[in-house]
């Protein structure tokens, strides 16, 4: 007897909506520069017996150079009402100024200097464990190469989730 229903991966857990549909902000600081960017590719799970998050950044993004020099980064998730801020952070470069302020967000920092937007509903503070650049020769489904028409393969960052910040609800 079959006691299972078929469902999509997107229906498995709300993390698929949080990252892929609602999007997230990746924020980092190298001690001199701080930036945030919108992302919709990534994931969470358990790896090496640690809770982890993975995010991907293209080399031409301003945040790329900052996260390369950072030991930690944050991934921030929002409840409703921040779609325009996320759009701004995904369409403007931090090279041109303070994206947090321009998007109407407040940049806060953990005790060890990891930036995150105060308005987020949840924030993952991650310590980099592993990085690698995606390579054309490793794609088993070559149709996915259509995401890289100019060969600007993402760099993948796997980080241990050290802390989860959850916004207090007003009661």
C-alpha atoms as a PDB file:
ATOM      1  CA  UNK A   1       0.000   0.000   0.000  1.00  0.00           C
ATOM      2  CA  UNK A   2       1.352   3.429  -0.963  1.00  0.00           C
ATOM      3  CA  UNK A   3       0.981   5.975   1.849  1.00  0.00           C
ATOM      4  CA  UNK A   4       2.812   8.800   0.075  1.00  0.00           C
ATOM      5  CA  UNK A   5       1.733  11.747  -2.030  1.00  0.00           C
ATOM      6  CA  UNK A   6       3.992  13.222  -4.679  1.00  0.00           C
ATOM      7  CA  UNK A   7       4.960  16.827  -4.075  1.00  0.00           C
ATOM      8  CA  UNK A   8       7.555  19.234  -5.425  1.00  0.00           C
ATOM      9  CA  UNK A   9      10.757  20.155  -3.625  1.00  0.00           C
ATOM     10  CA  UNK A  10       9.392  23.691  -3.275  1.00  0.00           C
ATOM     11  CA  UNK A  11       6.546  22.294  -1.137  1.00  0.00           C
ATOM     12  CA  UNK A  12       8.943  20.370   1.101  1.00  0.00           C
ATOM     13  CA  UNK A  13      10.124  23.252   3.266  1.00  0.00           C
ATOM     14  CA  UNK A  14       9.605  27.022   3.416  1.00  0.00           C
ATOM     15  CA  UNK A  15      13.362  27.576   2.862  1.00  0.00           C
ATOM     16  CA  UNK A  16      12.725  27.106  -0.866  1.00  0.00           C
ATOM     17  CA  UNK A  17      10.386  30.106  -0.836  1.00  0.00           C
ATOM     18  CA  UNK A  18      12.609  32.136   1.507  1.00  0.00           C
ATOM     19  CA  UNK A  19      15.636  31.822  -0.799  1.00  0.00           C
ATOM     20  CA  UNK A  20      14.275  31.243  -4.300  1.00  0.00           C
ATOM     21  CA  UNK A  21      11.045  33.237  -4.336  1.00  0.00           C
ATOM     22  CA  UNK A  22      11.230  35.796  -1.517  1.00  0.00           C
ATOM     23  CA  UNK A  23      15.001  36.217  -1.978  1.00  0.00           C
ATOM     24  CA  UNK A  24      17.616  37.010   0.636  1.00  0.00           C
ATOM     25  CA  UNK A  25      20.380  39.520   1.215  1.00  0.00           C
ATOM     26  CA  UNK A  26      24.013  38.438   1.423  1.00  0.00           C
ATOM     27  CA  UNK A  27      26.008  40.916   3.504  1.00  0.00           C
ATOM     28  CA  UNK A  28      29.717  41.059   4.307  1.00  0.00           C
ATOM     29  CA  UNK A  29      32.418  43.436   5.501  1.00  0.00           C
ATOM     30  CA  UNK A  30      36.163  43.271   4.996  1.00  0.00           C
ATOM     31  CA  UNK A  31      36.828  45.790   7.772  1.00  0.00           C
ATOM     32  CA  UNK A  32      36.916  48.699   5.351  1.00  0.00           C
ATOM     33  CA  UNK A  33      34.047  48.073   2.951  1.00  0.00           C
ATOM     34  CA  UNK A  34      30.573  46.774   3.788  1.00  0.00           C
ATOM     35  CA  UNK A  35      27.980  45.731   1.236  1.00  0.00           C
ATOM     36  CA  UNK A  36      24.824  43.758   0.739  1.00  0.00           C
ATOM     37  CA  UNK A  37      23.314  42.142  -2.352  1.00  0.00           C
ATOM     38  CA  UNK A  38      20.115  40.341  -3.261  1.00  0.00           C
ATOM     39  CA  UNK A  39      20.364  36.640  -4.046  1.00  0.00           C
ATOM     40  CA  UNK A  40      17.920  33.900  -4.956  1.00  0.00           C
ATOM     41  CA  UNK A  41      20.283  30.942  -5.246  1.00  0.00           C
ATOM     42  CA  UNK A  42      21.438  29.053  -2.171  1.00  0.00           C
ATOM     43  CA  UNK A  43      20.403  26.531   0.405  1.00  0.00           C
ATOM     44  CA  UNK A  44      20.745  25.171   3.922  1.00  0.00           C
ATOM     45  CA  UNK A  45      21.295  21.778   5.465  1.00  0.00           C
ATOM     46  CA  UNK A  46      23.766  19.672   7.389  1.00  0.00           C
ATOM     47  CA  UNK A  47      27.281  19.020   6.104  1.00  0.00           C
ATOM     48  CA  UNK A  48      30.334  17.769   8.004  1.00  0.00           C
ATOM     49  CA  UNK A  49      27.978  17.373  11.002  1.00  0.00           C
ATOM     50  CA  UNK A  50      27.417  21.135  11.026  1.00  0.00           C
ATOM     51  CA  UNK A  51      24.405  23.284  10.132  1.00  0.00           C
ATOM     52  CA  UNK A  52      25.392  25.093   6.933  1.00  0.00           C
ATOM     53  CA  UNK A  53      24.207  27.600   4.383  1.00  0.00           C
ATOM     54  CA  UNK A  54      25.468  27.991   0.851  1.00  0.00           C
ATOM     55  CA  UNK A  55      25.311  31.094  -1.315  1.00  0.00           C
ATOM     56  CA  UNK A  56      26.682  31.846  -4.756  1.00  0.00           C
ATOM     57  CA  UNK A  57      28.161  35.108  -6.030  1.00  0.00           C
ATOM     58  CA  UNK A  58      29.302  36.080  -9.520  1.00  0.00           C
ATOM     59  CA  UNK A  59      32.834  37.525  -9.761  1.00  0.00           C
ATOM     60  CA  UNK A  60      31.722  40.906 -11.145  1.00  0.00           C
ATOM     61  CA  UNK A  61      29.556  41.672  -8.097  1.00  0.00           C
ATOM     62  CA  UNK A  62      30.994  44.251  -5.675  1.00  0.00           C
ATOM     63  CA  UNK A  63      30.170  41.933  -2.757  1.00  0.00           C
ATOM     64  CA  UNK A  64      32.425  39.253  -4.292  1.00  0.00           C
ATOM     65  CA  UNK A  65      35.650  41.097  -3.441  1.00  0.00           C
ATOM     66  CA  UNK A  66      34.399  41.882   0.053  1.00  0.00           C
ATOM     67  CA  UNK A  67      33.310  38.344   0.921  1.00  0.00           C
ATOM     68  CA  UNK A  68      36.628  37.051  -0.421  1.00  0.00           C
ATOM     69  CA  UNK A  69      38.377  39.074   2.314  1.00  0.00           C
ATOM     70  CA  UNK A  70      35.839  38.201   5.029  1.00  0.00           C
ATOM     71  CA  UNK A  71      35.815  35.274   7.405  1.00  0.00           C
ATOM     72  CA  UNK A  72      32.053  35.571   7.983  1.00  0.00           C
ATOM     73  CA  UNK A  73      28.938  36.706   6.139  1.00  0.00           C
ATOM     74  CA  UNK A  74      25.226  36.979   6.823  1.00  0.00           C
ATOM     75  CA  UNK A  75      22.158  35.772   4.965  1.00  0.00           C
ATOM     76  CA  UNK A  76      19.032  37.780   5.791  1.00  0.00           C
ATOM     77  CA  UNK A  77      15.387  36.938   5.187  1.00  0.00           C
ATOM     78  CA  UNK A  78      12.454  39.341   5.327  1.00  0.00           C
ATOM     79  CA  UNK A  79       8.764  39.240   5.986  1.00  0.00           C
ATOM     80  CA  UNK A  80       6.453  41.231   3.701  1.00  0.00           C
ATOM     81  CA  UNK A  81       6.992  44.882   2.922  1.00  0.00           C
ATOM     82  CA  UNK A  82      10.639  44.819   1.818  1.00  0.00           C
ATOM     83  CA  UNK A  83      10.271  43.821  -1.828  1.00  0.00           C
ATOM     84  CA  UNK A  84      11.387  47.273  -3.036  1.00  0.00           C
ATOM     85  CA  UNK A  85      14.478  47.245  -0.778  1.00  0.00           C
ATOM     86  CA  UNK A  86      15.432  43.790  -2.092  1.00  0.00           C
ATOM     87  CA  UNK A  87      14.880  44.980  -5.666  1.00  0.00           C
ATOM     88  CA  UNK A  88      17.130  47.969  -5.047  1.00  0.00           C
ATOM     89  CA  UNK A  89      19.888  45.830  -3.525  1.00  0.00           C
ATOM     90  CA  UNK A  90      19.719  43.527  -6.539  1.00  0.00           C
ATOM     91  CA  UNK A  91      19.868  46.256  -9.193  1.00  0.00           C
ATOM     92  CA  UNK A  92      22.386  48.752  -7.779  1.00  0.00           C
ATOM     93  CA  UNK A  93      26.074  48.378  -7.017  1.00  0.00           C
ATOM     94  CA  UNK A  94      27.677  49.081  -3.669  1.00  0.00           C
ATOM     95  CA  UNK A  95      30.523  50.687  -5.628  1.00  0.00           C
ATOM     96  CA  UNK A  96      28.198  53.676  -6.028  1.00  0.00           C
ATOM     97  CA  UNK A  97      27.448  54.224  -2.335  1.00  0.00           C
ATOM     98  CA  UNK A  98      25.855  52.781   0.786  1.00  0.00           C
ATOM     99  CA  UNK A  99      23.229  50.311  -0.445  1.00  0.00           C
ATOM    100  CA  UNK A 100      21.787  49.720   3.016  1.00  0.00           C
ATOM    101  CA  UNK A 101      20.871  53.390   3.418  1.00  0.00           C
ATOM    102  CA  UNK A 102      19.783  53.858  -0.201  1.00  0.00           C
ATOM    103  CA  UNK A 103      17.455  50.842   0.105  1.00  0.00           C
ATOM    104  CA  UNK A 104      15.947  52.194   3.328  1.00  0.00           C
ATOM    105  CA  UNK A 105      17.635  49.561   5.507  1.00  0.00           C
ATOM    106  CA  UNK A 106      19.663  49.936   8.688  1.00  0.00           C
ATOM    107  CA  UNK A 107      23.035  48.194   8.776  1.00  0.00           C
ATOM    108  CA  UNK A 108      23.736  46.567  12.132  1.00  0.00           C
ATOM    109  CA  UNK A 109      26.766  44.502  13.106  1.00  0.00           C
ATOM    110  CA  UNK A 110      27.366  41.463  15.284  1.00  0.00           C
ATOM    111  CA  UNK A 111      29.986  41.765  18.021  1.00  0.00           C
ATOM    112  CA  UNK A 112      32.600  40.388  15.598  1.00  0.00           C
ATOM    113  CA  UNK A 113      31.693  42.807  12.790  1.00  0.00           C
ATOM    114  CA  UNK A 114      29.339  40.832  10.534  1.00  0.00           C
ATOM    115  CA  UNK A 115      26.829  43.222   8.921  1.00  0.00           C
ATOM    116  CA  UNK A 116      23.117  42.527   8.582  1.00  0.00           C
ATOM    117  CA  UNK A 117      19.964  44.599   8.017  1.00  0.00           C
ATOM    118  CA  UNK A 118      18.105  45.344  11.269  1.00  0.00           C
ATOM    119  CA  UNK A 119      14.769  45.036   9.455  1.00  0.00           C
ATOM    120  CA  UNK A 120      15.251  41.336   8.609  1.00  0.00           C
ATOM    121  CA  UNK A 121      12.932  38.743  10.152  1.00  0.00           C
ATOM    122  CA  UNK A 122      15.730  36.160  10.337  1.00  0.00           C
ATOM    123  CA  UNK A 123      19.485  36.350   9.874  1.00  0.00           C
ATOM    124  CA  UNK A 124      22.005  33.530   9.534  1.00  0.00           C
ATOM    125  CA  UNK A 125      25.518  34.440  10.644  1.00  0.00           C
ATOM    126  CA  UNK A 126      27.895  32.138   8.798  1.00  0.00           C
ATOM    127  CA  UNK A 127      31.614  31.339   9.039  1.00  0.00           C
ATOM    128  CA  UNK A 128      33.176  30.403   5.706  1.00  0.00           C
ATOM    129  CA  UNK A 129      34.212  26.754   5.571  1.00  0.00           C
ATOM    130  CA  UNK A 130      34.684  26.040   1.868  1.00  0.00           C
ATOM    131  CA  UNK A 131      34.667  27.899  -1.444  1.00  0.00           C
ATOM    132  CA  UNK A 132      34.886  26.810  -5.034  1.00  0.00           C
ATOM    133  CA  UNK A 133      34.173  28.229  -8.469  1.00  0.00           C
ATOM    134  CA  UNK A 134      31.606  26.386 -10.562  1.00  0.00           C
ATOM    135  CA  UNK A 135      33.242  24.879 -13.645  1.00  0.00           C
ATOM    136  CA  UNK A 136      31.712  24.228 -17.073  1.00  0.00           C
ATOM    137  CA  UNK A 137      33.208  20.735 -17.255  1.00  0.00           C
ATOM    138  CA  UNK A 138      31.456  19.701 -14.038  1.00  0.00           C
ATOM    139  CA  UNK A 139      27.909  20.403 -15.272  1.00  0.00           C
ATOM    140  CA  UNK A 140      26.195  17.080 -15.934  1.00  0.00           C
ATOM    141  CA  UNK A 141      23.130  18.885 -17.305  1.00  0.00           C
ATOM    142  CA  UNK A 142      24.778  21.127 -19.880  1.00  0.00           C
ATOM    143  CA  UNK A 143      21.506  23.021 -20.437  1.00  0.00           C
ATOM    144  CA  UNK A 144      22.325  24.794 -17.158  1.00  0.00           C
ATOM    145  CA  UNK A 145      25.288  26.444 -18.865  1.00  0.00           C
ATOM    146  CA  UNK A 146      22.747  28.829 -20.407  1.00  0.00           C
ATOM    147  CA  UNK A 147      22.937  30.725 -17.096  1.00  0.00           C
ATOM    148  CA  UNK A 148      26.570  31.573 -17.960  1.00  0.00           C
ATOM    149  CA  UNK A 149      26.530  33.037 -21.466  1.00  0.00           C
ATOM    150  CA  UNK A 150      29.671  35.108 -20.750  1.00  0.00           C
ATOM    151  CA  UNK A 151      31.427  32.463 -18.632  1.00  0.00           C
ATOM    152  CA  UNK A 152      30.996  34.355 -15.354  1.00  0.00           C
ATOM    153  CA  UNK A 153      30.619  31.272 -13.193  1.00  0.00           C
ATOM    154  CA  UNK A 154      29.489  31.796  -9.619  1.00  0.00           C
ATOM    155  CA  UNK A 155      31.755  31.162  -6.688  1.00  0.00           C
ATOM    156  CA  UNK A 156      30.082  29.004  -4.075  1.00  0.00           C
ATOM    157  CA  UNK A 157      30.513  29.796  -0.389  1.00  0.00           C
ATOM    158  CA  UNK A 158      29.630  27.156   2.186  1.00  0.00           C
ATOM    159  CA  UNK A 159      29.391  28.586   5.663  1.00  0.00           C
ATOM    160  CA  UNK A 160      28.721  27.056   9.045  1.00  0.00           C
ATOM    161  CA  UNK A 161      25.628  28.673  10.541  1.00  0.00           C
ATOM    162  CA  UNK A 162      27.071  29.909  13.827  1.00  0.00           C
ATOM    163  CA  UNK A 163      24.141  32.035  14.957  1.00  0.00           C
ATOM    164  CA  UNK A 164      20.528  32.532  13.962  1.00  0.00           C
ATOM    165  CA  UNK A 165      18.991  35.898  14.767  1.00  0.00           C
ATOM    166  CA  UNK A 166      15.196  35.955  14.864  1.00  0.00           C
ATOM    167  CA  UNK A 167      13.242  39.192  15.176  1.00  0.00           C
ATOM    168  CA  UNK A 168      11.239  39.439  18.371  1.00  0.00           C
ATOM    169  CA  UNK A 169       7.523  39.677  17.766  1.00  0.00           C
ATOM    170  CA  UNK A 170       5.572  42.496  19.355  1.00  0.00           C
ATOM    171  CA  UNK A 171       2.874  41.151  21.635  1.00  0.00           C
END
